[in-house]
């Protein structure tokens, strides 16, 4: 059963588990867990995805219960207008205390549309919550620095947070595409948990029909407590 965080006649907002796809895709034919189908079966009605979370990302995920609501909110998610999204992430290294990443991103191959620009402006704000070290050798270093970040995307581009953190040279740990495989495997073995360490923690949006401000929060799963243990050297 999915954890439904909010539901009314227009929206259903759930806590997406890490490792689940939002919907079926030919790019991952072997997967059997899909949030869209599970939610549809759970509430007994059709649902339309408003935005995406990567397979490895957990947290707040919004579905519309009507197609026109899905179109309206989909445009808002892409532009970032009327939305405030907050993520948490564990990254390699020690970033600055805070900052803003202003780095344009090229549309990904499965998202290219001839009538739209191929390179899009993209901005992400970050804040370092704490820093630590794992007793894992990495390159010429005897330990691996990590940091817990709060990430706020100001635009809604595909893989924006993962690509922006790679651009900053602080990739999100567990990121098989934009990080380092040997390090990810070493961290997973050390913690006893293998996942992309990115979580959609909180979302504030303007309700598309009622007009009120709605804030929904998804608490991180218990595996995030592994980073609270005395692993800091």
Protein backbone atom coordinates (compact mmCIF):
# COMPACT_ATOMS: atom_id res chain seq x y z
CA UNK A 1 0.00 0.00 0.00
CA UNK A 2 1.24 3.45 -0.90
CA UNK A 3 1.35 6.12 1.79
CA UNK A 4 -1.21 8.71 0.62
CA UNK A 5 -0.20 12.08 2.02
CA UNK A 6 -3.12 14.11 0.64
CA UNK A 7 -6.22 13.38 -1.45
CA UNK A 8 -9.34 15.25 -2.54
CA UNK A 9 -11.52 15.29 -5.67
CA UNK A 10 -8.72 16.76 -7.79
CA UNK A 11 -5.33 15.64 -6.42
CA UNK A 12 -3.68 12.62 -4.87
CA UNK A 13 -0.22 13.14 -3.36
CA UNK A 14 1.75 10.08 -2.27
CA UNK A 15 5.08 9.15 -0.74
CA UNK A 16 6.92 7.42 -3.58
CA UNK A 17 9.22 4.62 -2.38
CA UNK A 18 12.81 4.57 -3.63
CA UNK A 19 13.27 2.04 -6.43
CA UNK A 20 9.76 2.41 -7.87
CA UNK A 21 9.07 3.82 -11.32
CA UNK A 22 6.32 6.44 -11.66
CA UNK A 23 4.87 4.53 -14.64
CA UNK A 24 5.80 1.83 -17.13
CA UNK A 25 8.60 2.62 -19.56
CA UNK A 26 10.38 0.61 -22.26
CA UNK A 27 13.66 1.89 -20.82
CA UNK A 28 13.22 -0.39 -17.78
CA UNK A 29 11.30 -3.43 -19.01
CA UNK A 30 12.28 -5.62 -16.05
CA UNK A 31 10.68 -3.42 -13.38
CA UNK A 32 7.38 -4.54 -11.85
CA UNK A 33 6.64 -1.74 -9.35
CA UNK A 34 4.83 1.32 -10.69
CA UNK A 35 3.36 4.08 -8.56
CA UNK A 36 0.68 5.02 -11.10
CA UNK A 37 -0.79 1.51 -11.31
CA UNK A 38 -0.52 0.95 -7.55
CA UNK A 39 -2.29 4.22 -6.75
CA UNK A 40 -4.99 3.61 -9.36
CA UNK A 41 -5.71 0.19 -7.88
CA UNK A 42 -5.59 1.52 -4.32
CA UNK A 43 -8.13 4.34 -4.78
CA UNK A 44 -10.15 2.72 -7.57
CA UNK A 45 -9.99 5.50 -10.16
CA UNK A 46 -7.82 6.81 -12.99
CA UNK A 47 -4.87 9.02 -12.09
CA UNK A 48 -2.57 11.21 -14.20
CA UNK A 49 1.06 11.94 -13.26
CA UNK A 50 1.79 15.66 -12.88
CA UNK A 51 5.59 15.42 -12.65
CA UNK A 52 8.32 12.82 -12.34
CA UNK A 53 10.66 11.54 -9.71
CA UNK A 54 13.55 9.36 -10.79
CA UNK A 55 13.30 5.67 -9.99
CA UNK A 56 15.84 5.97 -7.18
CA UNK A 57 14.31 9.11 -5.64
CA UNK A 58 11.80 8.85 -2.82
CA UNK A 59 9.31 11.36 -1.48
CA UNK A 60 6.41 13.64 -2.42
CA UNK A 61 4.83 12.77 -5.78
CA UNK A 62 1.71 14.46 -7.18
CA UNK A 63 -1.02 12.92 -9.33
CA UNK A 64 -4.09 14.59 -10.78
CA UNK A 65 -7.49 12.94 -10.75
CA UNK A 66 -8.62 14.76 -13.88
CA UNK A 67 -6.68 15.24 -17.17
CA UNK A 68 -7.20 19.02 -17.32
CA UNK A 69 -5.80 19.36 -13.79
CA UNK A 70 -2.79 17.29 -14.89
CA UNK A 71 -2.10 19.64 -17.80
CA UNK A 72 -2.43 22.73 -15.63
CA UNK A 73 -0.12 21.46 -12.90
CA UNK A 74 2.33 19.94 -15.37
CA UNK A 75 2.99 23.38 -16.81
CA UNK A 76 3.49 24.78 -13.31
CA UNK A 77 6.00 22.07 -12.43
CA UNK A 78 8.05 22.69 -15.57
CA UNK A 79 8.15 26.46 -15.08
CA UNK A 80 8.46 26.35 -11.29
CA UNK A 81 5.75 29.00 -10.95
CA UNK A 82 3.58 28.72 -7.86
CA UNK A 83 5.60 25.86 -6.44
CA UNK A 84 8.22 25.43 -3.75
CA UNK A 85 10.02 22.09 -3.68
CA UNK A 86 12.56 21.04 -1.05
CA UNK A 87 14.74 17.95 -1.29
CA UNK A 88 17.40 16.45 0.94
CA UNK A 89 20.46 14.72 -0.44
CA UNK A 90 23.72 13.16 0.66
CA UNK A 91 26.58 14.25 -1.58
CA UNK A 92 30.27 13.57 -1.95
CA UNK A 93 32.60 16.17 -0.53
CA UNK A 94 32.05 19.33 1.47
CA UNK A 95 30.17 22.03 -0.50
CA UNK A 96 29.99 25.65 0.60
CA UNK A 97 27.53 26.56 3.35
CA UNK A 98 25.00 27.73 0.78
CA UNK A 99 24.75 28.96 -2.80
CA UNK A 100 22.83 28.94 -6.05
CA UNK A 101 23.69 26.87 -9.12
CA UNK A 102 22.75 28.68 -12.33
CA UNK A 103 23.69 26.23 -15.06
CA UNK A 104 21.62 25.62 -18.24
CA UNK A 105 20.75 22.01 -19.00
CA UNK A 106 20.28 20.34 -22.37
CA UNK A 107 17.06 18.43 -22.85
CA UNK A 108 17.61 14.72 -22.42
CA UNK A 109 17.30 12.47 -25.52
CA UNK A 110 13.86 11.11 -24.51
CA UNK A 111 12.56 14.63 -23.86
CA UNK A 112 13.59 16.39 -27.07
CA UNK A 113 10.80 18.27 -28.85
CA UNK A 114 11.51 20.14 -32.07
CA UNK A 115 9.18 22.98 -31.21
CA UNK A 116 11.03 23.73 -27.98
CA UNK A 117 14.47 24.94 -27.10
CA UNK A 118 17.07 22.18 -26.68
CA UNK A 119 18.93 23.98 -23.86
CA UNK A 120 16.97 25.33 -20.92
CA UNK A 121 17.84 27.70 -18.10
CA UNK A 122 18.05 25.88 -14.75
CA UNK A 123 18.65 27.15 -11.22
CA UNK A 124 19.01 25.29 -7.92
CA UNK A 125 19.60 26.70 -4.44
CA UNK A 126 21.46 24.60 -1.89
CA UNK A 127 22.18 24.76 1.83
CA UNK A 128 24.61 22.49 3.67
CA UNK A 129 22.97 21.00 6.76
CA UNK A 130 26.00 19.12 8.08
CA UNK A 131 29.30 17.61 6.99
CA UNK A 132 31.03 14.38 7.93
CA UNK A 133 33.51 11.72 6.85
CA UNK A 134 33.22 8.00 6.21
CA UNK A 135 36.19 5.71 6.93
CA UNK A 136 36.45 4.79 3.27
CA UNK A 137 39.56 5.42 1.18
CA UNK A 138 38.77 7.38 -1.95
CA UNK A 139 41.49 8.07 -4.52
CA UNK A 140 44.49 9.55 -2.71
CA UNK A 141 42.38 10.26 0.40
CA UNK A 142 42.17 7.95 3.40
CA UNK A 143 38.55 8.89 4.08
CA UNK A 144 35.48 10.04 2.14
CA UNK A 145 33.92 13.39 2.89
CA UNK A 146 30.15 13.70 2.64
CA UNK A 147 27.53 16.34 3.34
CA UNK A 148 23.79 16.46 3.83
CA UNK A 149 22.21 19.17 1.70
CA UNK A 150 18.86 20.88 1.41
CA UNK A 151 18.16 21.43 -2.28
CA UNK A 152 15.55 23.79 -3.74
CA UNK A 153 15.07 23.62 -7.52
CA UNK A 154 13.83 26.91 -8.93
CA UNK A 155 13.08 25.27 -12.30
CA UNK A 156 11.83 21.80 -13.18
CA UNK A 157 14.28 20.15 -15.59
CA UNK A 158 14.86 16.43 -16.03
CA UNK A 159 17.44 15.12 -13.53
CA UNK A 160 18.09 18.75 -12.58
CA UNK A 161 19.37 18.15 -9.05
CA UNK A 162 21.54 15.20 -10.03
CA UNK A 163 23.05 17.07 -12.98
CA UNK A 164 23.55 20.29 -11.02
CA UNK A 165 25.33 18.52 -8.17
CA UNK A 166 27.61 16.80 -10.68
CA UNK A 167 28.33 20.23 -12.20
CA UNK A 168 29.26 21.46 -8.73
CA UNK A 169 31.64 18.46 -8.38
CA UNK A 170 29.59 17.16 -5.44
CA UNK A 171 27.55 14.33 -7.00
CA UNK A 172 24.70 12.78 -5.07
CA UNK A 173 25.84 9.53 -3.51
CA UNK A 174 24.28 6.45 -5.04
CA UNK A 175 23.84 8.18 -8.42
CA UNK A 176 24.85 5.53 -10.95
CA UNK A 177 24.66 7.94 -13.89
CA UNK A 178 26.30 11.10 -12.58
CA UNK A 179 28.46 9.72 -9.75
CA UNK A 180 31.29 7.24 -9.36
CA UNK A 181 30.42 3.54 -9.33
CA UNK A 182 33.25 2.29 -7.07
CA UNK A 183 32.51 4.95 -4.45
CA UNK A 184 28.77 4.31 -4.58
CA UNK A 185 29.35 0.58 -4.05
CA UNK A 186 31.74 1.22 -1.16
CA UNK A 187 29.26 3.56 0.56
CA UNK A 188 26.42 1.06 0.05
CA UNK A 189 28.49 -1.75 1.56
CA UNK A 190 29.55 0.42 4.51
CA UNK A 191 26.01 1.58 5.34
CA UNK A 192 24.26 -1.65 4.41
CA UNK A 193 21.85 0.26 2.15
CA UNK A 194 21.98 0.70 -1.61
CA UNK A 195 19.97 3.60 -3.01
CA UNK A 196 20.14 7.03 -4.60
CA UNK A 197 20.41 9.36 -1.60
CA UNK A 198 17.88 11.91 -2.84
CA UNK A 199 14.49 12.51 -1.20
CA UNK A 200 11.66 14.89 -2.15
CA UNK A 201 10.96 16.11 1.37
CA UNK A 202 8.39 18.88 1.02
CA UNK A 203 6.20 20.48 -1.62
CA UNK A 204 4.12 23.64 -1.41
CA UNK A 205 1.70 24.37 -4.25
CA UNK A 206 -1.35 26.45 -5.01
CA UNK A 207 -4.37 24.20 -5.31
CA UNK A 208 -5.47 24.35 -8.98
CA UNK A 209 -9.19 24.56 -8.14
CA UNK A 210 -9.58 25.80 -4.58
CA UNK A 211 -6.76 28.35 -4.81
CA UNK A 212 -5.44 27.72 -1.30
CA UNK A 213 -1.81 26.97 -0.48
CA UNK A 214 -1.15 23.30 0.21
CA UNK A 215 2.05 22.03 1.87
CA UNK A 216 2.79 18.30 1.96
CA UNK A 217 5.77 16.66 3.68
CA UNK A 218 7.14 13.13 3.34
CA UNK A 219 9.41 12.01 6.16
CA UNK A 220 12.61 10.28 4.97
CA UNK A 221 12.66 6.51 5.31
CA UNK A 222 14.41 4.73 8.19
CA UNK A 223 17.53 4.11 6.09
CA UNK A 224 18.36 7.82 6.34
CA UNK A 225 19.03 7.27 10.04
CA UNK A 226 22.18 5.40 9.03
CA UNK A 227 23.77 8.79 8.37
CA UNK A 228 22.93 9.94 11.91
CA UNK A 229 25.04 7.21 13.46
CA UNK A 230 28.61 8.04 14.64
CA UNK A 231 30.28 7.69 11.25
CA UNK A 232 31.92 11.12 11.41
CA UNK A 233 35.63 10.85 12.10
